[in-house]
N, C-alpha and C. Protein backbone atom coordinates (compact mmCIF):
# COMPACT_ATOMS: atom_id res chain seq x y z
N MET A 1 0.84 -1.19 0.00
CA MET A 1 0.00 0.00 0.00
C MET A 1 0.89 1.25 0.00
N LYS A 2 0.60 2.15 -0.93
CA LYS A 2 1.36 3.39 -0.99
C LYS A 2 0.93 4.29 0.16
N LEU A 3 1.92 4.90 0.81
CA LEU A 3 1.63 5.71 1.99
C LEU A 3 1.77 7.20 1.69
N TYR A 4 0.87 7.98 2.26
CA TYR A 4 0.82 9.43 2.04
C TYR A 4 0.78 10.15 3.38
N ASP A 5 1.30 11.39 3.38
CA ASP A 5 1.36 12.16 4.62
C ASP A 5 -0.02 12.52 5.15
N GLU A 6 -0.94 12.87 4.26
CA GLU A 6 -2.24 13.40 4.69
C GLU A 6 -3.05 12.42 5.56
N PRO A 7 -3.11 11.14 5.20
CA PRO A 7 -3.84 10.21 6.07
C PRO A 7 -3.25 10.09 7.47
N PHE A 8 -1.93 10.09 7.57
CA PHE A 8 -1.30 10.05 8.89
C PHE A 8 -1.68 11.28 9.71
N LYS A 9 -1.67 12.44 9.08
CA LYS A 9 -2.02 13.67 9.77
C LYS A 9 -3.49 13.69 10.19
N ALA A 10 -4.36 13.18 9.33
CA ALA A 10 -5.79 13.13 9.65
C ALA A 10 -6.03 12.23 10.86
N ALA A 11 -5.39 11.07 10.87
CA ALA A 11 -5.55 10.15 11.99
C ALA A 11 -5.04 10.76 13.29
N ALA A 12 -3.89 11.41 13.22
CA ALA A 12 -3.33 12.04 14.42
C ALA A 12 -4.22 13.17 14.92
N ALA A 13 -4.80 13.93 14.01
CA ALA A 13 -5.67 15.03 14.40
C ALA A 13 -6.90 14.52 15.14
N VAL A 14 -7.45 13.40 14.69
CA VAL A 14 -8.63 12.84 15.34
C VAL A 14 -8.29 12.31 16.73
N VAL A 15 -7.20 11.58 16.85
CA VAL A 15 -6.78 11.08 18.16
C VAL A 15 -6.56 12.24 19.13
N ASN A 16 -5.87 13.28 18.67
CA ASN A 16 -5.61 14.44 19.52
C ASN A 16 -6.90 15.13 19.94
N ALA A 17 -7.89 15.16 19.04
CA ALA A 17 -9.17 15.80 19.36
C ALA A 17 -9.88 15.05 20.48
N PHE A 18 -9.78 13.73 20.49
CA PHE A 18 -10.37 12.96 21.58
C PHE A 18 -9.58 13.16 22.88
N VAL A 19 -8.26 13.14 22.77
CA VAL A 19 -7.42 13.33 23.95
C VAL A 19 -7.68 14.69 24.60
N ASN A 20 -7.85 15.70 23.77
CA ASN A 20 -8.08 17.06 24.26
C ASN A 20 -9.54 17.35 24.60
N LYS A 21 -10.38 16.30 24.54
CA LYS A 21 -11.80 16.41 24.87
C LYS A 21 -12.57 17.34 23.93
N GLU A 22 -12.02 17.54 22.73
CA GLU A 22 -12.76 18.30 21.72
C GLU A 22 -13.85 17.44 21.10
N LEU A 23 -13.69 16.12 21.18
CA LEU A 23 -14.69 15.17 20.73
C LEU A 23 -15.07 14.27 21.90
N GLU A 24 -16.29 13.80 21.91
CA GLU A 24 -16.78 12.95 22.99
C GLU A 24 -16.33 11.51 22.80
N GLY A 25 -16.09 10.82 23.90
CA GLY A 25 -15.76 9.41 23.83
C GLY A 25 -14.29 9.15 23.63
N TYR A 26 -13.98 8.17 22.80
CA TYR A 26 -12.60 7.75 22.59
C TYR A 26 -12.50 6.94 21.30
N PRO A 27 -11.34 6.93 20.65
CA PRO A 27 -11.16 6.08 19.47
C PRO A 27 -10.89 4.65 19.92
N ALA A 28 -11.47 3.69 19.23
CA ALA A 28 -11.28 2.28 19.58
C ALA A 28 -9.80 1.91 19.53
N ASP A 29 -9.37 1.11 20.51
CA ASP A 29 -7.99 0.62 20.56
C ASP A 29 -6.99 1.77 20.51
N HIS A 30 -7.36 2.90 21.13
CA HIS A 30 -6.50 4.09 21.21
C HIS A 30 -6.14 4.66 19.84
N GLY A 31 -6.91 4.29 18.82
CA GLY A 31 -6.67 4.84 17.48
C GLY A 31 -5.53 4.18 16.73
N ILE A 32 -5.11 3.00 17.17
CA ILE A 32 -3.94 2.37 16.55
C ILE A 32 -4.14 2.04 15.07
N SER A 33 -5.39 1.79 14.67
CA SER A 33 -5.65 1.42 13.27
C SER A 33 -6.03 2.60 12.39
N LEU A 34 -6.28 3.76 12.98
CA LEU A 34 -6.76 4.90 12.19
C LEU A 34 -5.85 5.26 11.02
N PRO A 35 -4.52 5.32 11.20
CA PRO A 35 -3.68 5.70 10.05
C PRO A 35 -3.84 4.75 8.86
N TRP A 36 -4.01 3.46 9.14
CA TRP A 36 -4.07 2.47 8.06
C TRP A 36 -5.43 2.45 7.40
N ILE A 37 -6.49 2.71 8.16
CA ILE A 37 -7.81 2.86 7.56
C ILE A 37 -7.80 4.05 6.60
N CYS A 38 -7.21 5.15 7.03
CA CYS A 38 -7.16 6.36 6.20
C CYS A 38 -6.30 6.14 4.96
N GLN A 39 -5.17 5.46 5.11
CA GLN A 39 -4.33 5.17 3.95
C GLN A 39 -5.08 4.32 2.94
N MET A 40 -5.81 3.31 3.41
CA MET A 40 -6.59 2.46 2.52
C MET A 40 -7.63 3.28 1.76
N ALA A 41 -8.34 4.14 2.47
CA ALA A 41 -9.40 4.95 1.85
C ALA A 41 -8.83 5.89 0.80
N VAL A 42 -7.68 6.48 1.08
CA VAL A 42 -7.06 7.39 0.11
C VAL A 42 -6.55 6.61 -1.10
N ASN A 43 -5.97 5.45 -0.88
CA ASN A 43 -5.51 4.62 -2.00
C ASN A 43 -6.67 4.18 -2.88
N ALA A 44 -7.87 4.12 -2.33
CA ALA A 44 -9.03 3.71 -3.12
C ALA A 44 -9.48 4.78 -4.10
N GLY A 45 -9.08 6.03 -3.86
CA GLY A 45 -9.39 7.10 -4.80
C GLY A 45 -10.74 7.75 -4.58
N ALA A 46 -11.22 8.43 -5.62
CA ALA A 46 -12.46 9.19 -5.54
C ALA A 46 -13.67 8.27 -5.42
N GLY A 47 -14.60 8.64 -4.54
CA GLY A 47 -15.80 7.84 -4.34
C GLY A 47 -16.16 7.72 -2.88
N ASP A 48 -17.28 7.08 -2.60
CA ASP A 48 -17.79 6.98 -1.24
C ASP A 48 -17.15 5.83 -0.47
N HIS A 49 -17.17 5.98 0.86
CA HIS A 49 -16.58 5.02 1.77
C HIS A 49 -17.67 4.48 2.69
N LEU A 50 -17.69 3.18 2.92
CA LEU A 50 -18.67 2.54 3.79
C LEU A 50 -18.00 2.06 5.07
N GLU A 51 -18.71 2.24 6.18
CA GLU A 51 -18.21 1.76 7.46
C GLU A 51 -19.31 1.00 8.18
N ILE A 52 -19.01 -0.21 8.63
CA ILE A 52 -19.94 -1.00 9.45
C ILE A 52 -19.40 -1.04 10.87
N GLY A 53 -20.13 -0.42 11.78
CA GLY A 53 -19.68 -0.29 13.16
C GLY A 53 -18.98 1.05 13.32
N THR A 54 -19.63 1.99 14.00
CA THR A 54 -19.14 3.37 14.01
C THR A 54 -18.75 3.88 15.39
N SER A 55 -19.50 3.46 16.41
CA SER A 55 -19.24 3.87 17.77
C SER A 55 -19.21 5.40 17.89
N TRP A 56 -18.12 5.97 18.38
CA TRP A 56 -18.03 7.42 18.57
C TRP A 56 -17.73 8.18 17.29
N GLY A 57 -17.43 7.48 16.20
CA GLY A 57 -17.21 8.13 14.92
C GLY A 57 -15.77 8.42 14.56
N ALA A 58 -14.82 7.91 15.34
CA ALA A 58 -13.41 8.25 15.12
C ALA A 58 -12.92 7.89 13.72
N SER A 59 -13.14 6.64 13.30
CA SER A 59 -12.63 6.21 11.99
C SER A 59 -13.35 6.90 10.84
N ALA A 60 -14.66 7.10 10.99
CA ALA A 60 -15.41 7.78 9.93
C ALA A 60 -14.93 9.21 9.76
N ILE A 61 -14.72 9.90 10.85
CA ILE A 61 -14.22 11.28 10.80
C ILE A 61 -12.83 11.32 10.20
N ALA A 62 -11.96 10.40 10.62
CA ALA A 62 -10.58 10.38 10.12
C ALA A 62 -10.55 10.15 8.62
N VAL A 63 -11.36 9.21 8.12
CA VAL A 63 -11.40 8.95 6.68
C VAL A 63 -11.90 10.17 5.93
N ALA A 64 -12.96 10.80 6.44
CA ALA A 64 -13.49 12.00 5.78
C ALA A 64 -12.45 13.11 5.73
N LEU A 65 -11.70 13.29 6.81
CA LEU A 65 -10.65 14.32 6.83
C LEU A 65 -9.52 13.97 5.86
N ALA A 66 -9.15 12.71 5.80
CA ALA A 66 -8.06 12.29 4.91
C ALA A 66 -8.44 12.49 3.45
N LYS A 67 -9.65 12.09 3.08
CA LYS A 67 -10.11 12.26 1.70
C LYS A 67 -10.16 13.75 1.34
N LYS A 68 -10.64 14.55 2.26
CA LYS A 68 -10.72 16.00 2.03
C LYS A 68 -9.33 16.60 1.86
N ALA A 69 -8.37 16.12 2.67
CA ALA A 69 -7.02 16.68 2.63
C ALA A 69 -6.31 16.45 1.30
N VAL A 70 -6.63 15.33 0.64
CA VAL A 70 -5.97 15.04 -0.65
C VAL A 70 -6.84 15.43 -1.84
N GLY A 71 -8.01 16.02 -1.57
CA GLY A 71 -8.86 16.49 -2.65
C GLY A 71 -9.68 15.42 -3.31
N LEU A 72 -9.97 14.34 -2.60
CA LEU A 72 -10.76 13.25 -3.17
C LEU A 72 -12.24 13.45 -2.85
N PRO A 73 -13.11 13.53 -3.85
CA PRO A 73 -14.55 13.61 -3.57
C PRO A 73 -15.08 12.29 -3.04
N GLY A 74 -16.16 12.39 -2.28
CA GLY A 74 -16.78 11.18 -1.75
C GLY A 74 -17.24 11.37 -0.33
N LYS A 75 -18.39 10.77 0.00
CA LYS A 75 -18.93 10.82 1.34
C LYS A 75 -18.59 9.56 2.12
N VAL A 76 -18.77 9.65 3.42
CA VAL A 76 -18.60 8.50 4.30
C VAL A 76 -19.98 8.11 4.84
N TYR A 77 -20.35 6.84 4.66
CA TYR A 77 -21.62 6.32 5.15
C TYR A 77 -21.34 5.26 6.22
N CYS A 78 -22.04 5.36 7.34
CA CYS A 78 -21.84 4.45 8.45
C CYS A 78 -23.12 3.69 8.77
N VAL A 79 -22.97 2.42 9.11
CA VAL A 79 -24.09 1.58 9.52
C VAL A 79 -23.81 1.09 10.93
N ASP A 80 -24.70 1.43 11.86
CA ASP A 80 -24.53 1.02 13.26
C ASP A 80 -25.89 1.04 13.93
N PRO A 81 -26.28 -0.02 14.64
CA PRO A 81 -27.60 -0.05 15.27
C PRO A 81 -27.70 0.79 16.54
N TYR A 82 -26.60 1.01 17.24
CA TYR A 82 -26.64 1.72 18.53
C TYR A 82 -27.77 1.20 19.40
N PRO A 83 -27.64 1.13 20.70
CA PRO A 83 -26.40 1.37 21.42
C PRO A 83 -25.38 0.29 21.12
N VAL A 84 -24.12 0.61 21.27
CA VAL A 84 -23.05 -0.31 20.95
C VAL A 84 -23.16 -1.55 21.83
N ALA A 85 -23.10 -2.71 21.19
CA ALA A 85 -23.17 -3.97 21.93
C ALA A 85 -21.93 -4.81 21.68
N ARG A 86 -20.83 -4.14 21.33
CA ARG A 86 -19.62 -4.87 20.95
C ARG A 86 -18.56 -4.85 22.04
N GLY A 87 -18.93 -4.41 23.25
CA GLY A 87 -17.94 -4.41 24.32
C GLY A 87 -17.37 -3.05 24.61
N ALA A 88 -17.89 -1.99 23.99
CA ALA A 88 -17.36 -0.65 24.24
C ALA A 88 -17.63 -0.19 25.66
N HIS A 89 -18.55 -0.87 26.37
CA HIS A 89 -18.87 -0.51 27.74
C HIS A 89 -17.96 -1.23 28.73
N MET A 90 -17.11 -2.08 28.27
CA MET A 90 -16.26 -2.85 29.16
C MET A 90 -15.13 -2.00 29.73
N HIS A 91 -14.55 -2.48 30.83
CA HIS A 91 -13.40 -1.85 31.47
C HIS A 91 -13.70 -0.40 31.86
N GLY A 92 -14.96 -0.11 32.19
CA GLY A 92 -15.30 1.22 32.66
C GLY A 92 -15.51 2.25 31.58
N ASN A 93 -15.42 1.86 30.31
CA ASN A 93 -15.61 2.81 29.22
C ASN A 93 -17.10 3.06 28.99
N PRO A 94 -17.49 4.29 28.74
CA PRO A 94 -18.90 4.58 28.48
C PRO A 94 -19.34 4.04 27.13
N THR A 95 -20.62 3.82 27.00
CA THR A 95 -21.18 3.31 25.76
C THR A 95 -21.48 4.45 24.80
N ALA A 96 -21.09 4.28 23.55
CA ALA A 96 -21.33 5.30 22.54
C ALA A 96 -22.81 5.41 22.22
N THR A 97 -23.22 6.60 21.82
CA THR A 97 -24.60 6.83 21.37
C THR A 97 -24.56 7.50 20.01
N ILE A 98 -25.64 7.37 19.26
CA ILE A 98 -25.68 7.98 17.94
C ILE A 98 -25.68 9.50 18.06
N SER A 99 -26.30 10.04 19.10
CA SER A 99 -26.31 11.50 19.26
C SER A 99 -24.90 12.02 19.52
N ALA A 100 -24.12 11.30 20.32
CA ALA A 100 -22.74 11.71 20.58
C ALA A 100 -21.90 11.63 19.31
N ALA A 101 -22.09 10.55 18.55
CA ALA A 101 -21.34 10.40 17.29
C ALA A 101 -21.68 11.54 16.34
N ARG A 102 -22.94 11.89 16.25
CA ARG A 102 -23.35 12.98 15.36
C ARG A 102 -22.82 14.32 15.84
N ARG A 103 -22.73 14.51 17.14
CA ARG A 103 -22.11 15.75 17.65
C ARG A 103 -20.64 15.80 17.28
N ASN A 104 -19.96 14.66 17.35
CA ASN A 104 -18.55 14.61 16.96
C ASN A 104 -18.37 14.93 15.48
N ILE A 105 -19.25 14.38 14.65
CA ILE A 105 -19.18 14.63 13.21
C ILE A 105 -19.40 16.11 12.92
N LYS A 106 -20.36 16.71 13.59
CA LYS A 106 -20.63 18.13 13.41
C LYS A 106 -19.45 18.97 13.86
N ALA A 107 -18.84 18.61 14.98
CA ALA A 107 -17.69 19.35 15.49
C ALA A 107 -16.51 19.26 14.54
N ALA A 108 -16.35 18.10 13.90
CA ALA A 108 -15.23 17.90 12.97
C ALA A 108 -15.47 18.50 11.61
N GLU A 109 -16.71 18.91 11.35
CA GLU A 109 -17.09 19.55 10.08
C GLU A 109 -16.76 18.66 8.87
N VAL A 110 -17.26 17.43 8.93
CA VAL A 110 -17.03 16.48 7.85
C VAL A 110 -18.36 15.95 7.33
N ASP A 111 -18.30 15.37 6.12
CA ASP A 111 -19.51 14.86 5.45
C ASP A 111 -19.65 13.37 5.74
N VAL A 112 -20.31 13.06 6.85
CA VAL A 112 -20.51 11.68 7.28
C VAL A 112 -21.98 11.47 7.59
N THR A 113 -22.55 10.40 7.07
CA THR A 113 -23.95 10.05 7.32
C THR A 113 -24.01 8.74 8.08
N ILE A 114 -24.73 8.73 9.20
CA ILE A 114 -24.92 7.51 9.98
C ILE A 114 -26.32 6.96 9.72
N ILE A 115 -26.38 5.70 9.32
CA ILE A 115 -27.64 4.98 9.18
C ILE A 115 -27.79 4.10 10.42
N ARG A 116 -28.80 4.42 11.24
CA ARG A 116 -29.00 3.62 12.45
C ARG A 116 -29.74 2.34 12.09
N ALA A 117 -28.98 1.28 11.89
CA ALA A 117 -29.56 0.01 11.47
C ALA A 117 -28.53 -1.09 11.63
N SER A 118 -29.01 -2.31 11.68
CA SER A 118 -28.13 -3.46 11.66
C SER A 118 -27.57 -3.64 10.25
N SER A 119 -26.43 -4.27 10.16
CA SER A 119 -25.86 -4.57 8.84
C SER A 119 -26.43 -5.84 8.24
N ASP A 120 -27.23 -6.58 9.02
CA ASP A 120 -27.82 -7.83 8.56
C ASP A 120 -29.28 -7.90 8.99
N PRO A 121 -30.22 -7.66 8.06
CA PRO A 121 -29.99 -7.39 6.63
C PRO A 121 -29.43 -6.00 6.39
N PHE A 122 -28.77 -5.83 5.25
CA PHE A 122 -28.16 -4.55 4.95
C PHE A 122 -29.26 -3.50 4.76
N PRO A 123 -29.06 -2.29 5.29
CA PRO A 123 -30.13 -1.28 5.27
C PRO A 123 -30.58 -0.90 3.86
N ALA A 124 -31.89 -0.78 3.72
CA ALA A 124 -32.48 -0.48 2.41
C ALA A 124 -32.01 0.86 1.86
N GLN A 125 -31.71 1.81 2.76
CA GLN A 125 -31.29 3.15 2.32
C GLN A 125 -30.01 3.11 1.49
N LEU A 126 -29.19 2.08 1.69
CA LEU A 126 -27.90 2.00 1.01
C LEU A 126 -27.80 0.83 0.04
N LYS A 127 -28.92 0.14 -0.21
CA LYS A 127 -28.83 -1.10 -0.99
C LYS A 127 -28.34 -0.89 -2.41
N ASP A 128 -28.56 0.31 -2.98
CA ASP A 128 -28.12 0.58 -4.35
C ASP A 128 -26.85 1.41 -4.42
N LYS A 129 -26.28 1.74 -3.27
CA LYS A 129 -25.05 2.54 -3.24
C LYS A 129 -23.84 1.67 -3.59
N ARG A 130 -22.84 2.30 -4.19
CA ARG A 130 -21.58 1.63 -4.46
C ARG A 130 -20.45 2.45 -3.83
N PHE A 131 -19.43 1.75 -3.34
CA PHE A 131 -18.35 2.38 -2.59
C PHE A 131 -17.00 1.99 -3.17
N VAL A 132 -16.01 2.86 -2.99
CA VAL A 132 -14.66 2.52 -3.43
C VAL A 132 -13.88 1.80 -2.33
N SER A 133 -14.30 2.02 -1.07
CA SER A 133 -13.63 1.38 0.05
C SER A 133 -14.65 1.13 1.16
N ALA A 134 -14.32 0.19 2.04
CA ALA A 134 -15.19 -0.13 3.17
C ALA A 134 -14.34 -0.57 4.35
N TYR A 135 -14.91 -0.41 5.54
CA TYR A 135 -14.22 -0.77 6.77
C TYR A 135 -15.19 -1.49 7.69
N VAL A 136 -14.80 -2.65 8.18
CA VAL A 136 -15.65 -3.47 9.04
C VAL A 136 -15.11 -3.46 10.47
N ASP A 137 -15.94 -2.99 11.39
CA ASP A 137 -15.61 -3.03 12.81
C ASP A 137 -16.91 -3.17 13.61
N GLY A 138 -17.74 -4.13 13.17
CA GLY A 138 -19.05 -4.34 13.79
C GLY A 138 -19.00 -5.41 14.86
N ASP A 139 -19.99 -6.28 14.87
CA ASP A 139 -20.02 -7.38 15.84
C ASP A 139 -18.82 -8.30 15.60
N HIS A 140 -18.18 -8.72 16.69
CA HIS A 140 -16.94 -9.48 16.59
C HIS A 140 -17.12 -10.97 16.88
N ILE A 141 -18.37 -11.44 17.01
CA ILE A 141 -18.57 -12.83 17.39
C ILE A 141 -19.48 -13.54 16.38
N GLY A 142 -19.39 -14.87 16.38
CA GLY A 142 -20.23 -15.68 15.51
C GLY A 142 -19.91 -15.46 14.05
N ASP A 143 -20.95 -15.52 13.21
CA ASP A 143 -20.74 -15.38 11.77
C ASP A 143 -20.88 -13.94 11.28
N MET A 144 -21.11 -12.98 12.21
CA MET A 144 -21.30 -11.60 11.79
C MET A 144 -20.07 -10.98 11.13
N PRO A 145 -18.86 -11.21 11.61
CA PRO A 145 -17.71 -10.62 10.91
C PRO A 145 -17.65 -11.03 9.43
N TYR A 146 -17.91 -12.30 9.16
CA TYR A 146 -17.88 -12.77 7.77
C TYR A 146 -19.06 -12.21 6.98
N LYS A 147 -20.24 -12.16 7.58
CA LYS A 147 -21.39 -11.58 6.91
C LYS A 147 -21.14 -10.12 6.55
N ASP A 148 -20.49 -9.39 7.46
CA ASP A 148 -20.19 -7.98 7.18
C ASP A 148 -19.20 -7.84 6.03
N LEU A 149 -18.21 -8.71 5.97
CA LEU A 149 -17.27 -8.69 4.85
C LEU A 149 -17.99 -8.96 3.53
N LEU A 150 -18.88 -9.93 3.53
CA LEU A 150 -19.62 -10.25 2.31
C LEU A 150 -20.54 -9.11 1.90
N ALA A 151 -21.17 -8.46 2.89
CA ALA A 151 -22.04 -7.32 2.59
C ALA A 151 -21.25 -6.20 1.94
N CYS A 152 -20.03 -5.97 2.42
CA CYS A 152 -19.18 -4.95 1.82
C CYS A 152 -18.73 -5.37 0.42
N ALA A 153 -18.39 -6.63 0.27
CA ALA A 153 -17.89 -7.13 -1.02
C ALA A 153 -18.92 -6.95 -2.13
N GLU A 154 -20.19 -7.04 -1.80
CA GLU A 154 -21.24 -6.89 -2.80
C GLU A 154 -21.31 -5.50 -3.40
N ARG A 155 -20.78 -4.51 -2.68
CA ARG A 155 -20.98 -3.12 -3.11
C ARG A 155 -19.71 -2.26 -3.02
N THR A 156 -18.56 -2.91 -2.89
CA THR A 156 -17.30 -2.17 -2.76
C THR A 156 -16.38 -2.49 -3.94
N GLN A 157 -15.79 -1.46 -4.50
CA GLN A 157 -15.05 -1.58 -5.75
C GLN A 157 -13.59 -1.97 -5.58
N HIS A 158 -12.91 -1.41 -4.56
CA HIS A 158 -11.47 -1.58 -4.49
C HIS A 158 -10.95 -2.25 -3.22
N PHE A 159 -11.19 -1.64 -2.05
CA PHE A 159 -10.58 -2.13 -0.82
C PHE A 159 -11.59 -2.32 0.30
N ILE A 160 -11.36 -3.35 1.12
CA ILE A 160 -12.13 -3.57 2.34
C ILE A 160 -11.15 -3.79 3.49
N GLY A 161 -11.31 -3.02 4.55
CA GLY A 161 -10.47 -3.18 5.73
C GLY A 161 -11.26 -3.78 6.88
N MET A 162 -10.55 -4.41 7.80
CA MET A 162 -11.19 -5.04 8.96
C MET A 162 -10.30 -4.86 10.17
N ASP A 163 -10.92 -4.61 11.32
CA ASP A 163 -10.15 -4.38 12.54
C ASP A 163 -10.28 -5.55 13.50
N ASN A 164 -9.42 -5.52 14.52
CA ASN A 164 -9.39 -6.53 15.59
C ASN A 164 -9.07 -7.92 15.08
N TYR A 165 -8.14 -7.97 14.13
CA TYR A 165 -7.57 -9.25 13.71
C TYR A 165 -6.52 -9.63 14.76
N GLU A 166 -6.98 -10.37 15.79
CA GLU A 166 -6.10 -10.69 16.91
C GLU A 166 -6.68 -11.90 17.64
N GLU A 167 -5.86 -12.52 18.47
CA GLU A 167 -6.25 -13.77 19.12
C GLU A 167 -7.46 -13.60 20.02
N GLY A 168 -7.68 -12.42 20.55
CA GLY A 168 -8.82 -12.20 21.42
C GLY A 168 -10.15 -12.25 20.70
N TYR A 169 -10.11 -12.20 19.36
CA TYR A 169 -11.33 -12.24 18.56
C TYR A 169 -11.20 -13.32 17.49
N PRO A 170 -11.29 -14.59 17.89
CA PRO A 170 -11.07 -15.69 16.93
C PRO A 170 -12.07 -15.69 15.78
N ASP A 171 -13.30 -15.23 16.01
CA ASP A 171 -14.28 -15.22 14.93
C ASP A 171 -13.92 -14.18 13.87
N VAL A 172 -13.29 -13.09 14.28
CA VAL A 172 -12.81 -12.09 13.32
C VAL A 172 -11.67 -12.67 12.49
N MET A 173 -10.74 -13.35 13.16
CA MET A 173 -9.63 -13.97 12.44
C MET A 173 -10.12 -15.03 11.46
N ASP A 174 -11.07 -15.86 11.91
CA ASP A 174 -11.62 -16.89 11.02
C ASP A 174 -12.31 -16.27 9.81
N ALA A 175 -13.04 -15.17 10.05
CA ALA A 175 -13.72 -14.50 8.94
C ALA A 175 -12.72 -13.95 7.93
N ALA A 176 -11.64 -13.37 8.43
CA ALA A 176 -10.62 -12.83 7.53
C ALA A 176 -9.97 -13.93 6.70
N HIS A 177 -9.67 -15.06 7.33
CA HIS A 177 -9.05 -16.17 6.61
C HIS A 177 -9.99 -16.71 5.54
N LYS A 178 -11.26 -16.85 5.89
CA LYS A 178 -12.26 -17.36 4.95
C LYS A 178 -12.45 -16.40 3.79
N PHE A 179 -12.46 -15.11 4.09
CA PHE A 179 -12.66 -14.10 3.06
C PHE A 179 -11.46 -14.05 2.12
N ALA A 180 -10.27 -14.18 2.68
CA ALA A 180 -9.05 -14.13 1.87
C ALA A 180 -8.95 -15.30 0.90
N SER A 181 -9.70 -16.36 1.18
CA SER A 181 -9.66 -17.53 0.30
C SER A 181 -10.56 -17.38 -0.92
N LEU A 182 -11.40 -16.34 -0.91
CA LEU A 182 -12.27 -16.10 -2.05
C LEU A 182 -11.44 -15.66 -3.26
N GLN A 183 -11.83 -16.10 -4.42
CA GLN A 183 -11.09 -15.76 -5.63
C GLN A 183 -11.15 -14.28 -5.94
N GLU A 184 -12.24 -13.62 -5.56
CA GLU A 184 -12.46 -12.22 -5.93
C GLU A 184 -11.69 -11.22 -5.09
N TRP A 185 -11.16 -11.66 -3.92
CA TRP A 185 -10.49 -10.73 -3.00
C TRP A 185 -9.16 -11.31 -2.54
N ASN A 186 -8.14 -10.43 -2.49
CA ASN A 186 -6.80 -10.84 -2.09
C ASN A 186 -6.36 -10.08 -0.84
N LEU A 187 -5.57 -10.73 0.00
CA LEU A 187 -4.97 -10.04 1.14
C LEU A 187 -4.07 -8.94 0.61
N TYR A 188 -4.26 -7.73 1.11
CA TYR A 188 -3.56 -6.57 0.57
C TYR A 188 -2.57 -5.96 1.55
N PHE A 189 -2.96 -5.88 2.83
CA PHE A 189 -2.14 -5.17 3.80
C PHE A 189 -2.47 -5.67 5.20
N LYS A 190 -1.45 -5.79 6.06
CA LYS A 190 -1.67 -6.17 7.45
C LYS A 190 -0.74 -5.35 8.33
N ASN A 191 -1.31 -4.71 9.36
CA ASN A 191 -0.50 -3.94 10.29
C ASN A 191 -1.21 -3.91 11.63
N PHE A 192 -0.53 -4.35 12.69
CA PHE A 192 -1.11 -4.39 14.03
C PHE A 192 -2.44 -5.17 14.01
N LEU A 193 -3.55 -4.52 14.32
CA LEU A 193 -4.85 -5.18 14.37
C LEU A 193 -5.62 -5.08 13.06
N PHE A 194 -5.09 -4.34 12.11
CA PHE A 194 -5.81 -4.01 10.89
C PHE A 194 -5.37 -4.89 9.73
N VAL A 195 -6.35 -5.37 8.98
CA VAL A 195 -6.07 -6.16 7.78
C VAL A 195 -6.93 -5.61 6.65
N ALA A 196 -6.37 -5.55 5.44
CA ALA A 196 -7.10 -5.02 4.29
C ALA A 196 -7.05 -6.00 3.14
N PHE A 197 -8.14 -5.99 2.36
CA PHE A 197 -8.26 -6.86 1.19
C PHE A 197 -8.45 -6.00 -0.05
N ARG A 198 -7.92 -6.47 -1.18
CA ARG A 198 -8.04 -5.75 -2.45
C ARG A 198 -8.82 -6.61 -3.43
N ALA A 199 -9.74 -5.96 -4.13
CA ALA A 199 -10.51 -6.66 -5.15
C ALA A 199 -9.57 -7.17 -6.24
N GLU A 200 -9.81 -8.36 -6.71
CA GLU A 200 -8.95 -8.97 -7.73
C GLU A 200 -8.85 -8.11 -8.98
N GLN A 201 -9.93 -7.44 -9.34
CA GLN A 201 -9.94 -6.64 -10.56
C GLN A 201 -9.36 -5.25 -10.36
N HIS A 202 -8.86 -4.93 -9.14
CA HIS A 202 -8.34 -3.59 -8.89
C HIS A 202 -7.15 -3.30 -9.80
N PRO A 203 -7.11 -2.10 -10.42
CA PRO A 203 -6.01 -1.76 -11.34
C PRO A 203 -4.72 -1.46 -10.59
N ARG A 204 -3.85 -2.43 -10.50
CA ARG A 204 -2.58 -2.24 -9.81
C ARG A 204 -1.73 -1.16 -10.49
N GLY A 205 -1.04 -0.38 -9.65
CA GLY A 205 -0.13 0.62 -10.18
C GLY A 205 -0.82 1.91 -10.60
N ALA A 206 -2.13 2.01 -10.41
CA ALA A 206 -2.85 3.22 -10.81
C ALA A 206 -3.81 3.66 -9.72
N LEU A 207 -3.38 3.52 -8.47
CA LEU A 207 -4.29 3.74 -7.36
C LEU A 207 -4.84 5.16 -7.31
N LEU A 208 -3.98 6.13 -7.58
CA LEU A 208 -4.39 7.52 -7.40
C LEU A 208 -4.36 8.31 -8.70
N SER A 209 -4.53 7.63 -9.82
CA SER A 209 -4.49 8.34 -11.11
C SER A 209 -5.62 9.34 -11.26
N HIS A 210 -6.68 9.20 -10.42
CA HIS A 210 -7.80 10.11 -10.55
C HIS A 210 -7.81 11.15 -9.42
N ARG A 211 -6.70 11.30 -8.70
CA ARG A 211 -6.59 12.44 -7.79
C ARG A 211 -6.44 13.71 -8.62
N PRO A 212 -6.96 14.84 -8.14
CA PRO A 212 -6.93 16.09 -8.93
C PRO A 212 -5.54 16.46 -9.42
N GLU A 213 -4.51 16.28 -8.58
CA GLU A 213 -3.18 16.71 -9.00
C GLU A 213 -2.56 15.77 -10.02
N HIS A 214 -3.21 14.62 -10.26
CA HIS A 214 -2.71 13.68 -11.25
C HIS A 214 -3.51 13.75 -12.55
N ALA A 215 -4.53 14.61 -12.56
CA ALA A 215 -5.40 14.66 -13.72
C ALA A 215 -4.67 15.19 -14.95
């Protein structure tokens, strides 16, 4: 994956905003995956980004800031049923709410839309939408991680990222392994807890040919 300065800066800005209490809540896993989510979204180029599992909105905001910083058009759409049932309330952490996430989005001044719904079945509001990139950080148990990957694969053109690829979440790891075995998607990038897949038909070597400065 080609790396750019702007996604790193966007991720750092979001983490700092939470640390400084400019945004409510906290980024999952202290924001360790935010730089790589942003890099993936920027490498995907112009177009919309899908996120399953939003919580306080950290990753959605970071992606929107990164795309804006490099001049890439496209909105960020999030699917989350709220209240969070994925363990965000554990270890004394407060539970995210959709109102808090929307306040964070407004404070960050980014173009992010949250659809309050489960990802299974996929929400009707987005059934005809197509995305250049997607990020899965929804339910971490049972067959939901794999179902979320498949839901993204049906409507995503270039890259799909997934978080919490670690021993503590065996169902996430199993879903990633199963998904990587599909002919249509290849393992693209792995760093810390984050893993990304690239569509087989993705045009290698031309990731950012449609950025404004490359036109």
